[in-house]
Every structure is written in structure tokens, then in C-alpha cells.
Amino acid sequence: MASAGCSPADEGRDQLARVCFEEFYHTRTPIVLGRLSRMAKDMRLPSDAAMDALSEAMTRAWQHRFQYEVSRSAFSTWVEVIARRLLIDCQRKQRRQKALPRWGENDQEQELEGREATPEANAECRETEGRIQAALRQLSERDRLVWELSQAGMPHAEVGDLLDLEATQVGMIRHRVRRKLERVLA
């Protein structure tokens, strides 16, 4: 019998999801985690990235369990694809963070290539910071807010809610700003 607000089909899918999750947890988790660990190592990601990706993939799979279709793939494949995509996203984020220098840090604490920063290197860093700040001042207020909130670690959906934008718009704006800054630094 269907509970209030749930169709019999939804209850069937929910039961299937529970069975799939339990089977995956007990039999496939170590195998998938091993694959993800090797992938994370090849991508030069932190050692806990694989576990984080698998955990997040399981959470997302549970949240979207009604979208899982048995006829398309095995449940473990579905979860592993989600986790792989999360690792790729993590690698992209890591690459973007390396591409742009951090500004506003204490010059005395900066190290370049494992050495103490020289006065010349500090001057170059200040010059780069000035070029970045000038480029940011040329942006519209909306674009600058999107960039600053994204750099602070706020997810696209939350930035979109604050600025009355769709998450995809936030991503596109952030991408365009990043490209502009990369050209400034080139």
C-alpha cells in the first residue's frame, strides 16, 4: 500500500534503491574505492580525495535514487561514474587554484619555488596583484561579486540565490572572469 504522497512506483524504486545501496556497501565499496584511489593518485589529488568523492557520490545517489534506472547500468557503475566526475571536478578546481596567485598574503611569508621570497619576487608579486586588482575593478559589480563569492568557496547555487541568478549563469560568469584574469597574467 502506498504511503501518503508516494505512488506505488516510487515505493518500488525506493525499495530497489535500499537493496542496491546495501548490496553496494557490502560488496562493491572496497573495489570502487580502490579504483578511485588509483585515479586520485594519478591525478595528484590529496589522499583522502577518493573517499570524499565516494562519500559525496553515495549522498548524491541517495538524493537522486528515483532517477536510477536498472535497465541503463548497474547501480555500482552509476555511483562510480558520479564519484569519477567528482574527482575530475576536484582536479579542475585544484588546477584553477594553482593558475591564479593568491593576493593579500603577507610578503614575508611567501615562498617561491620552495625558497624565501626575494625583494624582486615580492615586487613582481605586488605588480601582479595590482594588475589583477585593476582587472577586477573593470568588471561589472555583478561579475565581481560572483568572482569574489566563488573564490570564497561559496557553491554556485548559493551565489545564484544571493544574486538572483541560475547556478549555470554563475558558472559561466566565473569562467569568463577567470579567463580575463588569465589573460591579464599571461
N, C-alpha and C. Protein backbone atom coordinates (compact mmCIF):
# COMPACT_ATOMS: atom_id res chain seq x y z
N MET A 1 0.84 -1.18 0.00
CA MET A 1 0.00 0.00 0.00
C MET A 1 0.89 1.24 0.00
N ALA A 2 0.53 2.21 -0.83
CA ALA A 2 1.32 3.43 -0.97
C ALA A 2 1.08 4.35 0.20
N SER A 3 2.15 4.98 0.68
CA SER A 3 2.01 5.96 1.76
C SER A 3 1.57 7.28 1.16
N ALA A 4 1.15 8.21 2.01
CA ALA A 4 0.65 9.50 1.55
C ALA A 4 1.72 10.22 0.75
N GLY A 5 1.33 10.66 -0.46
CA GLY A 5 2.25 11.43 -1.29
C GLY A 5 3.22 10.59 -2.09
N CYS A 6 3.16 9.26 -1.96
CA CYS A 6 4.08 8.38 -2.67
C CYS A 6 3.28 7.44 -3.54
N SER A 7 3.65 7.34 -4.79
CA SER A 7 2.98 6.40 -5.68
C SER A 7 3.57 5.01 -5.44
N PRO A 8 2.84 3.96 -5.83
CA PRO A 8 3.41 2.62 -5.69
C PRO A 8 4.73 2.47 -6.46
N ALA A 9 4.84 3.16 -7.60
CA ALA A 9 6.09 3.09 -8.37
C ALA A 9 7.25 3.69 -7.57
N ASP A 10 7.00 4.83 -6.88
CA ASP A 10 8.04 5.46 -6.07
C ASP A 10 8.46 4.55 -4.92
N GLU A 11 7.46 3.90 -4.31
CA GLU A 11 7.80 2.98 -3.22
C GLU A 11 8.64 1.82 -3.72
N GLY A 12 8.32 1.33 -4.92
CA GLY A 12 9.10 0.24 -5.51
C GLY A 12 10.53 0.69 -5.80
N ARG A 13 10.67 1.88 -6.33
CA ARG A 13 12.01 2.42 -6.61
C ARG A 13 12.79 2.65 -5.32
N ASP A 14 12.09 3.14 -4.30
CA ASP A 14 12.75 3.37 -3.02
C ASP A 14 13.25 2.05 -2.44
N GLN A 15 12.44 1.02 -2.52
CA GLN A 15 12.85 -0.30 -2.02
C GLN A 15 14.02 -0.84 -2.84
N LEU A 16 13.97 -0.67 -4.17
CA LEU A 16 15.08 -1.09 -5.02
C LEU A 16 16.35 -0.34 -4.64
N ALA A 17 16.24 0.96 -4.42
CA ALA A 17 17.40 1.77 -4.04
C ALA A 17 18.00 1.28 -2.73
N ARG A 18 17.16 0.96 -1.77
CA ARG A 18 17.67 0.47 -0.49
C ARG A 18 18.44 -0.84 -0.66
N VAL A 19 17.89 -1.73 -1.47
CA VAL A 19 18.56 -3.01 -1.72
C VAL A 19 19.88 -2.78 -2.44
N CYS A 20 19.87 -1.92 -3.45
CA CYS A 20 21.10 -1.63 -4.21
C CYS A 20 22.16 -0.99 -3.32
N PHE A 21 21.75 -0.04 -2.48
CA PHE A 21 22.71 0.60 -1.58
C PHE A 21 23.34 -0.41 -0.64
N GLU A 22 22.53 -1.26 -0.07
CA GLU A 22 23.05 -2.25 0.87
C GLU A 22 24.01 -3.21 0.18
N GLU A 23 23.64 -3.69 -0.99
CA GLU A 23 24.50 -4.60 -1.74
C GLU A 23 25.80 -3.91 -2.13
N PHE A 24 25.71 -2.66 -2.59
CA PHE A 24 26.89 -1.91 -2.98
C PHE A 24 27.81 -1.72 -1.78
N TYR A 25 27.24 -1.32 -0.67
CA TYR A 25 28.05 -1.04 0.53
C TYR A 25 28.83 -2.28 0.96
N HIS A 26 28.17 -3.42 0.96
CA HIS A 26 28.80 -4.64 1.48
C HIS A 26 29.73 -5.32 0.48
N THR A 27 29.50 -5.17 -0.81
CA THR A 27 30.29 -5.93 -1.77
C THR A 27 31.17 -5.09 -2.70
N ARG A 28 30.73 -3.91 -3.07
CA ARG A 28 31.42 -3.16 -4.11
C ARG A 28 32.24 -1.97 -3.61
N THR A 29 31.95 -1.49 -2.41
CA THR A 29 32.63 -0.29 -1.91
C THR A 29 34.16 -0.42 -1.94
N PRO A 30 34.74 -1.51 -1.44
CA PRO A 30 36.22 -1.59 -1.47
C PRO A 30 36.79 -1.58 -2.89
N ILE A 31 36.10 -2.22 -3.80
CA ILE A 31 36.58 -2.29 -5.19
C ILE A 31 36.53 -0.91 -5.83
N VAL A 32 35.40 -0.23 -5.69
CA VAL A 32 35.24 1.10 -6.28
C VAL A 32 36.20 2.08 -5.60
N LEU A 33 36.34 1.98 -4.29
CA LEU A 33 37.25 2.87 -3.58
C LEU A 33 38.69 2.67 -4.06
N GLY A 34 39.08 1.43 -4.33
CA GLY A 34 40.41 1.15 -4.85
C GLY A 34 40.63 1.81 -6.21
N ARG A 35 39.64 1.70 -7.09
CA ARG A 35 39.75 2.35 -8.40
C ARG A 35 39.85 3.86 -8.27
N LEU A 36 39.00 4.42 -7.41
CA LEU A 36 39.01 5.87 -7.21
C LEU A 36 40.33 6.34 -6.59
N SER A 37 40.88 5.54 -5.69
CA SER A 37 42.17 5.89 -5.06
C SER A 37 43.28 5.94 -6.10
N ARG A 38 43.30 4.95 -7.00
CA ARG A 38 44.31 4.96 -8.06
C ARG A 38 44.11 6.16 -8.99
N MET A 39 42.86 6.46 -9.29
CA MET A 39 42.57 7.60 -10.15
C MET A 39 43.02 8.91 -9.47
N ALA A 40 42.71 9.05 -8.19
CA ALA A 40 43.10 10.25 -7.45
C ALA A 40 44.62 10.37 -7.39
N LYS A 41 45.30 9.25 -7.20
CA LYS A 41 46.77 9.28 -7.15
C LYS A 41 47.33 9.71 -8.50
N ASP A 42 46.77 9.18 -9.58
CA ASP A 42 47.22 9.57 -10.92
C ASP A 42 46.97 11.05 -11.20
N MET A 43 45.91 11.59 -10.60
CA MET A 43 45.57 13.00 -10.79
C MET A 43 46.32 13.90 -9.82
N ARG A 44 47.13 13.29 -8.95
CA ARG A 44 47.89 14.02 -7.93
C ARG A 44 46.98 14.79 -6.98
N LEU A 45 45.89 14.14 -6.59
CA LEU A 45 44.96 14.73 -5.64
C LEU A 45 45.32 14.26 -4.24
N PRO A 46 44.85 14.95 -3.20
CA PRO A 46 45.13 14.53 -1.83
C PRO A 46 44.66 13.09 -1.59
N SER A 47 45.28 12.42 -0.65
CA SER A 47 44.99 11.01 -0.41
C SER A 47 43.55 10.74 0.01
N ASP A 48 42.89 11.71 0.63
CA ASP A 48 41.51 11.49 1.06
C ASP A 48 40.49 11.87 0.00
N ALA A 49 40.92 12.29 -1.19
CA ALA A 49 40.01 12.74 -2.24
C ALA A 49 39.10 11.60 -2.71
N ALA A 50 39.64 10.39 -2.80
CA ALA A 50 38.84 9.25 -3.27
C ALA A 50 37.70 8.95 -2.29
N MET A 51 38.02 8.91 -1.01
CA MET A 51 36.99 8.64 0.00
C MET A 51 35.94 9.76 0.00
N ASP A 52 36.39 11.00 -0.11
CA ASP A 52 35.46 12.12 -0.14
C ASP A 52 34.54 12.03 -1.36
N ALA A 53 35.12 11.68 -2.52
CA ALA A 53 34.33 11.56 -3.74
C ALA A 53 33.30 10.43 -3.63
N LEU A 54 33.72 9.30 -3.08
CA LEU A 54 32.79 8.18 -2.93
C LEU A 54 31.67 8.53 -1.95
N SER A 55 32.03 9.18 -0.87
CA SER A 55 31.02 9.58 0.12
C SER A 55 30.01 10.54 -0.49
N GLU A 56 30.53 11.54 -1.21
CA GLU A 56 29.64 12.52 -1.86
C GLU A 56 28.81 11.85 -2.95
N ALA A 57 29.40 10.91 -3.68
CA ALA A 57 28.66 10.19 -4.72
C ALA A 57 27.51 9.38 -4.12
N MET A 58 27.78 8.75 -2.99
CA MET A 58 26.72 7.97 -2.32
C MET A 58 25.60 8.91 -1.86
N THR A 59 25.97 10.06 -1.34
CA THR A 59 24.96 11.02 -0.89
C THR A 59 24.12 11.49 -2.07
N ARG A 60 24.78 11.83 -3.16
CA ARG A 60 24.04 12.30 -4.35
C ARG A 60 23.18 11.19 -4.93
N ALA A 61 23.72 9.97 -4.96
CA ALA A 61 22.94 8.85 -5.49
C ALA A 61 21.69 8.64 -4.64
N TRP A 62 21.83 8.75 -3.34
CA TRP A 62 20.67 8.59 -2.47
C TRP A 62 19.65 9.70 -2.71
N GLN A 63 20.13 10.94 -2.84
CA GLN A 63 19.23 12.06 -3.07
C GLN A 63 18.49 11.93 -4.40
N HIS A 64 19.12 11.27 -5.38
CA HIS A 64 18.52 11.14 -6.71
C HIS A 64 18.16 9.69 -7.02
N ARG A 65 17.89 8.92 -5.99
CA ARG A 65 17.65 7.49 -6.17
C ARG A 65 16.47 7.17 -7.08
N PHE A 66 15.52 8.07 -7.18
CA PHE A 66 14.35 7.82 -8.03
C PHE A 66 14.70 7.98 -9.51
N GLN A 67 15.85 8.53 -9.81
CA GLN A 67 16.28 8.69 -11.20
C GLN A 67 17.07 7.47 -11.70
N TYR A 68 17.49 6.60 -10.79
CA TYR A 68 18.27 5.42 -11.18
C TYR A 68 17.39 4.48 -11.99
N GLU A 69 17.93 4.05 -13.13
CA GLU A 69 17.21 3.12 -13.99
C GLU A 69 18.03 1.84 -14.14
N VAL A 70 17.45 0.74 -13.69
CA VAL A 70 18.13 -0.56 -13.69
C VAL A 70 18.53 -0.95 -15.11
N SER A 71 17.71 -0.59 -16.09
CA SER A 71 17.96 -1.01 -17.47
C SER A 71 19.17 -0.32 -18.09
N ARG A 72 19.61 0.80 -17.55
CA ARG A 72 20.72 1.56 -18.14
C ARG A 72 22.09 1.11 -17.67
N SER A 73 22.23 0.80 -16.39
CA SER A 73 23.53 0.37 -15.87
C SER A 73 23.36 -0.25 -14.50
N ALA A 74 24.43 -0.91 -14.06
CA ALA A 74 24.43 -1.46 -12.70
C ALA A 74 24.52 -0.29 -11.71
N PHE A 75 23.97 -0.49 -10.54
CA PHE A 75 23.99 0.56 -9.52
C PHE A 75 25.42 0.98 -9.19
N SER A 76 26.32 0.00 -9.07
CA SER A 76 27.71 0.33 -8.74
C SER A 76 28.35 1.18 -9.84
N THR A 77 27.99 0.94 -11.08
CA THR A 77 28.51 1.74 -12.19
C THR A 77 28.01 3.17 -12.07
N TRP A 78 26.74 3.33 -11.75
CA TRP A 78 26.13 4.65 -11.61
C TRP A 78 26.86 5.45 -10.52
N VAL A 79 27.06 4.83 -9.37
CA VAL A 79 27.74 5.52 -8.26
C VAL A 79 29.19 5.82 -8.63
N GLU A 80 29.86 4.87 -9.27
CA GLU A 80 31.26 5.08 -9.63
C GLU A 80 31.41 6.22 -10.64
N VAL A 81 30.50 6.33 -11.58
CA VAL A 81 30.55 7.42 -12.56
C VAL A 81 30.38 8.77 -11.85
N ILE A 82 29.47 8.83 -10.91
CA ILE A 82 29.28 10.07 -10.14
C ILE A 82 30.57 10.42 -9.40
N ALA A 83 31.17 9.42 -8.76
CA ALA A 83 32.41 9.65 -7.99
C ALA A 83 33.56 10.07 -8.90
N ARG A 84 33.67 9.45 -10.07
CA ARG A 84 34.74 9.83 -11.00
C ARG A 84 34.58 11.28 -11.45
N ARG A 85 33.35 11.66 -11.72
CA ARG A 85 33.10 13.05 -12.13
C ARG A 85 33.44 14.02 -11.00
N LEU A 86 33.18 13.62 -9.77
CA LEU A 86 33.55 14.47 -8.64
C LEU A 86 35.06 14.61 -8.52
N LEU A 87 35.80 13.53 -8.77
CA LEU A 87 37.26 13.62 -8.75
C LEU A 87 37.77 14.54 -9.85
N ILE A 88 37.17 14.45 -11.02
CA ILE A 88 37.56 15.32 -12.13
C ILE A 88 37.28 16.77 -11.77
N ASP A 89 36.13 17.02 -11.15
CA ASP A 89 35.81 18.38 -10.70
C ASP A 89 36.84 18.87 -9.68
N CYS A 90 37.24 17.98 -8.78
CA CYS A 90 38.24 18.33 -7.76
C CYS A 90 39.56 18.69 -8.42
N GLN A 91 39.95 17.91 -9.43
CA GLN A 91 41.20 18.20 -10.14
C GLN A 91 41.11 19.55 -10.86
N ARG A 92 39.98 19.82 -11.49
CA ARG A 92 39.81 21.10 -12.18
C ARG A 92 39.90 22.26 -11.20
N LYS A 93 39.27 22.10 -10.06
CA LYS A 93 39.31 23.15 -9.04
C LYS A 93 40.74 23.38 -8.57
N GLN A 94 41.47 22.29 -8.36
CA GLN A 94 42.86 22.38 -7.92
C GLN A 94 43.70 23.09 -8.98
N ARG A 95 43.46 22.78 -10.26
CA ARG A 95 44.20 23.42 -11.34
C ARG A 95 43.92 24.91 -11.41
N ARG A 96 42.64 25.28 -11.25
CA ARG A 96 42.27 26.70 -11.28
C ARG A 96 42.92 27.46 -10.13
N GLN A 97 42.96 26.84 -8.96
CA GLN A 97 43.56 27.50 -7.81
C GLN A 97 45.06 27.70 -8.00
N LYS A 98 45.72 26.77 -8.68
CA LYS A 98 47.15 26.91 -8.95
C LYS A 98 47.41 27.96 -10.02
N ALA A 99 46.45 28.14 -10.95
CA ALA A 99 46.65 29.06 -12.07
C ALA A 99 46.66 30.51 -11.63
N LEU A 100 45.92 30.84 -10.60
CA LEU A 100 45.82 32.22 -10.14
C LEU A 100 46.54 32.37 -8.81
N PRO A 101 47.44 33.34 -8.72
CA PRO A 101 48.13 33.54 -7.44
C PRO A 101 47.19 34.12 -6.41
N ARG A 102 47.50 33.88 -5.16
CA ARG A 102 46.72 34.47 -4.07
C ARG A 102 47.29 35.85 -3.80
N TRP A 103 46.42 36.80 -3.59
CA TRP A 103 46.89 38.12 -3.26
C TRP A 103 46.43 38.48 -1.86
N GLY A 104 47.11 39.45 -1.28
CA GLY A 104 46.75 39.87 0.07
C GLY A 104 47.48 39.11 1.15
N GLU A 105 48.38 38.20 0.76
CA GLU A 105 49.12 37.46 1.77
C GLU A 105 50.33 38.28 2.19
N ASN A 106 50.81 38.01 3.36
CA ASN A 106 51.97 38.71 3.88
C ASN A 106 53.20 38.37 3.04
N ASP A 107 53.86 39.41 2.52
CA ASP A 107 55.03 39.20 1.67
C ASP A 107 56.13 38.43 2.39
N GLN A 108 56.25 38.64 3.69
CA GLN A 108 57.31 37.97 4.44
C GLN A 108 57.09 36.46 4.49
N GLU A 109 55.84 36.01 4.36
CA GLU A 109 55.55 34.58 4.48
C GLU A 109 55.57 33.87 3.13
N GLN A 110 55.61 34.63 2.04
CA GLN A 110 55.56 34.00 0.73
C GLN A 110 56.85 33.27 0.43
N GLU A 111 56.67 32.13 -0.22
CA GLU A 111 57.82 31.39 -0.70
C GLU A 111 57.61 31.09 -2.16
N LEU A 112 58.63 31.27 -2.95
CA LEU A 112 58.55 30.96 -4.37
C LEU A 112 59.46 29.78 -4.64
N GLU A 113 58.85 28.73 -5.20
CA GLU A 113 59.60 27.52 -5.55
C GLU A 113 60.40 26.99 -4.37
N GLY A 114 59.83 27.02 -3.19
CA GLY A 114 60.46 26.45 -2.01
C GLY A 114 61.55 27.31 -1.39
N ARG A 115 61.75 28.54 -1.88
CA ARG A 115 62.77 29.43 -1.32
C ARG A 115 62.09 30.64 -0.71
N GLU A 116 62.84 31.32 0.15
CA GLU A 116 62.35 32.58 0.70
C GLU A 116 62.18 33.57 -0.45
N ALA A 117 61.14 34.38 -0.37
CA ALA A 117 60.88 35.36 -1.41
C ALA A 117 61.95 36.46 -1.37
N THR A 118 62.43 36.81 -2.54
CA THR A 118 63.41 37.88 -2.65
C THR A 118 62.68 39.21 -2.81
N PRO A 119 63.35 40.33 -2.60
CA PRO A 119 62.69 41.63 -2.83
C PRO A 119 62.17 41.76 -4.27
N GLU A 120 62.92 41.21 -5.23
CA GLU A 120 62.47 41.27 -6.63
C GLU A 120 61.19 40.46 -6.82
N ALA A 121 61.17 39.27 -6.22
CA ALA A 121 59.98 38.42 -6.33
C ALA A 121 58.79 39.07 -5.65
N ASN A 122 59.02 39.69 -4.50
CA ASN A 122 57.94 40.39 -3.80
C ASN A 122 57.40 41.54 -4.65
N ALA A 123 58.31 42.26 -5.32
CA ALA A 123 57.89 43.37 -6.18
C ALA A 123 57.08 42.84 -7.36
N GLU A 124 57.52 41.73 -7.92
CA GLU A 124 56.78 41.12 -9.03
C GLU A 124 55.39 40.67 -8.58
N CYS A 125 55.34 40.11 -7.38
CA CYS A 125 54.05 39.66 -6.83
C CYS A 125 53.12 40.86 -6.61
N ARG A 126 53.66 41.95 -6.10
CA ARG A 126 52.84 43.15 -5.90
C ARG A 126 52.35 43.70 -7.24
N GLU A 127 53.21 43.64 -8.25
CA GLU A 127 52.82 44.11 -9.58
C GLU A 127 51.69 43.25 -10.14
N THR A 128 51.82 41.93 -9.98
CA THR A 128 50.78 41.01 -10.44
C THR A 128 49.48 41.28 -9.70
N GLU A 129 49.59 41.47 -8.39
CA GLU A 129 48.40 41.78 -7.59
C GLU A 129 47.73 43.05 -8.10
N GLY A 130 48.52 44.05 -8.42
CA GLY A 130 47.97 45.30 -8.94
C GLY A 130 47.25 45.10 -10.26
N ARG A 131 47.84 44.28 -11.15
CA ARG A 131 47.18 44.01 -12.43
C ARG A 131 45.87 43.26 -12.23
N ILE A 132 45.86 42.32 -11.29
CA ILE A 132 44.64 41.57 -11.00
C ILE A 132 43.58 42.50 -10.43
N GLN A 133 43.97 43.31 -9.48
CA GLN A 133 43.01 44.25 -8.87
C GLN A 133 42.46 45.22 -9.91
N ALA A 134 43.30 45.70 -10.83
CA ALA A 134 42.84 46.60 -11.89
C ALA A 134 41.84 45.88 -12.79
N ALA A 135 42.13 44.62 -13.13
CA ALA A 135 41.21 43.84 -13.97
C ALA A 135 39.88 43.62 -13.25
N LEU A 136 39.93 43.36 -11.94
CA LEU A 136 38.69 43.16 -11.18
C LEU A 136 37.87 44.45 -11.11
N ARG A 137 38.54 45.60 -11.02
CA ARG A 137 37.82 46.88 -10.98
C ARG A 137 37.10 47.17 -12.29
N GLN A 138 37.58 46.60 -13.39
CA GLN A 138 36.95 46.82 -14.68
C GLN A 138 35.70 45.97 -14.88
N LEU A 139 35.51 44.98 -14.03
CA LEU A 139 34.34 44.11 -14.14
C LEU A 139 33.08 44.83 -13.66
N SER A 140 31.94 44.33 -14.12
CA SER A 140 30.69 44.85 -13.59
C SER A 140 30.58 44.43 -12.12
N GLU A 141 29.74 45.10 -11.38
CA GLU A 141 29.57 44.77 -9.96
C GLU A 141 29.12 43.32 -9.79
N ARG A 142 28.18 42.89 -10.65
CA ARG A 142 27.66 41.53 -10.58
C ARG A 142 28.78 40.51 -10.81
N ASP A 143 29.57 40.72 -11.87
CA ASP A 143 30.65 39.78 -12.17
C ASP A 143 31.68 39.73 -11.05
N ARG A 144 32.00 40.91 -10.50
CA ARG A 144 32.97 40.96 -9.40
C ARG A 144 32.43 40.22 -8.18
N LEU A 145 31.14 40.40 -7.87
CA LEU A 145 30.55 39.69 -6.73
C LEU A 145 30.56 38.19 -6.95
N VAL A 146 30.20 37.77 -8.17
CA VAL A 146 30.22 36.33 -8.48
C VAL A 146 31.63 35.78 -8.25
N TRP A 147 32.64 36.48 -8.75
CA TRP A 147 34.03 36.03 -8.61
C TRP A 147 34.44 35.95 -7.14
N GLU A 148 34.17 37.02 -6.40
CA GLU A 148 34.62 37.06 -5.01
C GLU A 148 33.92 36.01 -4.16
N LEU A 149 32.62 35.81 -4.37
CA LEU A 149 31.90 34.81 -3.58
C LEU A 149 32.34 33.40 -3.96
N SER A 150 32.59 33.18 -5.25
CA SER A 150 33.06 31.86 -5.69
C SER A 150 34.44 31.57 -5.14
N GLN A 151 35.31 32.57 -5.15
CA GLN A 151 36.66 32.40 -4.62
C GLN A 151 36.64 32.15 -3.11
N ALA A 152 35.60 32.64 -2.46
CA ALA A 152 35.48 32.41 -1.02
C ALA A 152 34.97 31.00 -0.72
N GLY A 153 34.67 30.24 -1.79
CA GLY A 153 34.25 28.85 -1.60
C GLY A 153 32.76 28.63 -1.60
N MET A 154 31.99 29.65 -1.91
CA MET A 154 30.54 29.51 -1.92
C MET A 154 30.10 28.75 -3.18
N PRO A 155 29.25 27.74 -3.05
CA PRO A 155 28.77 26.98 -4.22
C PRO A 155 27.98 27.87 -5.17
N HIS A 156 27.98 27.49 -6.44
CA HIS A 156 27.30 28.28 -7.47
C HIS A 156 25.82 28.50 -7.14
N ALA A 157 25.17 27.48 -6.62
CA ALA A 157 23.74 27.61 -6.31
C ALA A 157 23.49 28.69 -5.26
N GLU A 158 24.35 28.74 -4.25
CA GLU A 158 24.19 29.75 -3.20
C GLU A 158 24.49 31.15 -3.72
N VAL A 159 25.52 31.27 -4.56
CA VAL A 159 25.83 32.56 -5.17
C VAL A 159 24.65 33.01 -6.01
N GLY A 160 24.09 32.06 -6.78
CA GLY A 160 22.93 32.37 -7.61
C GLY A 160 21.75 32.84 -6.79
N ASP A 161 21.51 32.20 -5.66
CA ASP A 161 20.41 32.61 -4.79
C ASP A 161 20.61 34.03 -4.28
N LEU A 162 21.84 34.34 -3.90
CA LEU A 162 22.12 35.69 -3.39
C LEU A 162 21.95 36.77 -4.46
N LEU A 163 22.35 36.44 -5.69
CA LEU A 163 22.37 37.45 -6.75
C LEU A 163 21.23 37.29 -7.75
N ASP A 164 20.29 36.40 -7.44
CA ASP A 164 19.13 36.15 -8.29
C ASP A 164 19.57 35.69 -9.69
N LEU A 165 20.45 34.69 -9.72
CA LEU A 165 20.95 34.10 -10.96
C LEU A 165 20.80 32.59 -10.87
N GLU A 166 20.80 31.94 -12.01
CA GLU A 166 20.82 30.48 -12.06
C GLU A 166 22.26 30.03 -11.77
N ALA A 167 22.40 28.84 -11.23
CA ALA A 167 23.73 28.30 -10.93
C ALA A 167 24.57 28.21 -12.19
N THR A 168 23.94 27.86 -13.33
CA THR A 168 24.70 27.78 -14.58
C THR A 168 25.21 29.15 -15.01
N GLN A 169 24.42 30.20 -14.78
CA GLN A 169 24.88 31.56 -15.09
C GLN A 169 26.09 31.92 -14.23
N VAL A 170 26.03 31.55 -12.97
CA VAL A 170 27.14 31.83 -12.06
C VAL A 170 28.40 31.15 -12.58
N GLY A 171 28.27 29.89 -13.00
CA GLY A 171 29.42 29.17 -13.53
C GLY A 171 29.99 29.83 -14.78
N MET A 172 29.11 30.28 -15.66
CA MET A 172 29.59 30.94 -16.89
C MET A 172 30.28 32.27 -16.58
N ILE A 173 29.70 33.04 -15.68
CA ILE A 173 30.30 34.33 -15.31
C ILE A 173 31.67 34.09 -14.69
N ARG A 174 31.74 33.13 -13.78
CA ARG A 174 33.01 32.82 -13.12
C ARG A 174 34.06 32.38 -14.14
N HIS A 175 33.64 31.57 -15.10
CA HIS A 175 34.55 31.11 -16.14
C HIS A 175 35.08 32.29 -16.97
N ARG A 176 34.19 33.20 -17.36
CA ARG A 176 34.62 34.36 -18.15
C ARG A 176 35.58 35.24 -17.36
N VAL A 177 35.30 35.44 -16.07
CA VAL A 177 36.18 36.27 -15.24
C VAL A 177 37.55 35.60 -15.12
N ARG A 178 37.55 34.30 -14.91
CA ARG A 178 38.82 33.58 -14.79
C ARG A 178 39.64 33.71 -16.07
N ARG A 179 38.99 33.59 -17.21
CA ARG A 179 39.69 33.75 -18.49
C ARG A 179 40.28 35.16 -18.62
N LYS A 180 39.51 36.18 -18.21
CA LYS A 180 40.02 37.55 -18.26
C LYS A 180 41.26 37.70 -17.38
N LEU A 181 41.21 37.13 -16.19
CA LEU A 181 42.34 37.22 -15.28
C LEU A 181 43.55 36.46 -15.82
N GLU A 182 43.30 35.32 -16.45
CA GLU A 182 44.41 34.56 -17.04
C GLU A 182 45.07 35.36 -18.15
N ARG A 183 44.26 36.08 -18.94
CA ARG A 183 44.86 36.91 -20.00
C ARG A 183 45.69 38.04 -19.40
N VAL A 184 45.23 38.61 -18.28
CA VAL A 184 45.98 39.67 -17.60
C VAL A 184 47.32 39.13 -17.12
N LEU A 185 47.32 37.88 -16.67
CA LEU A 185 48.54 37.29 -16.12
C LEU A 185 49.47 36.73 -17.19
N ALA A 186 48.97 36.59 -18.39
CA ALA A 186 49.79 35.99 -19.48
C ALA A 186 50.90 36.91 -19.92
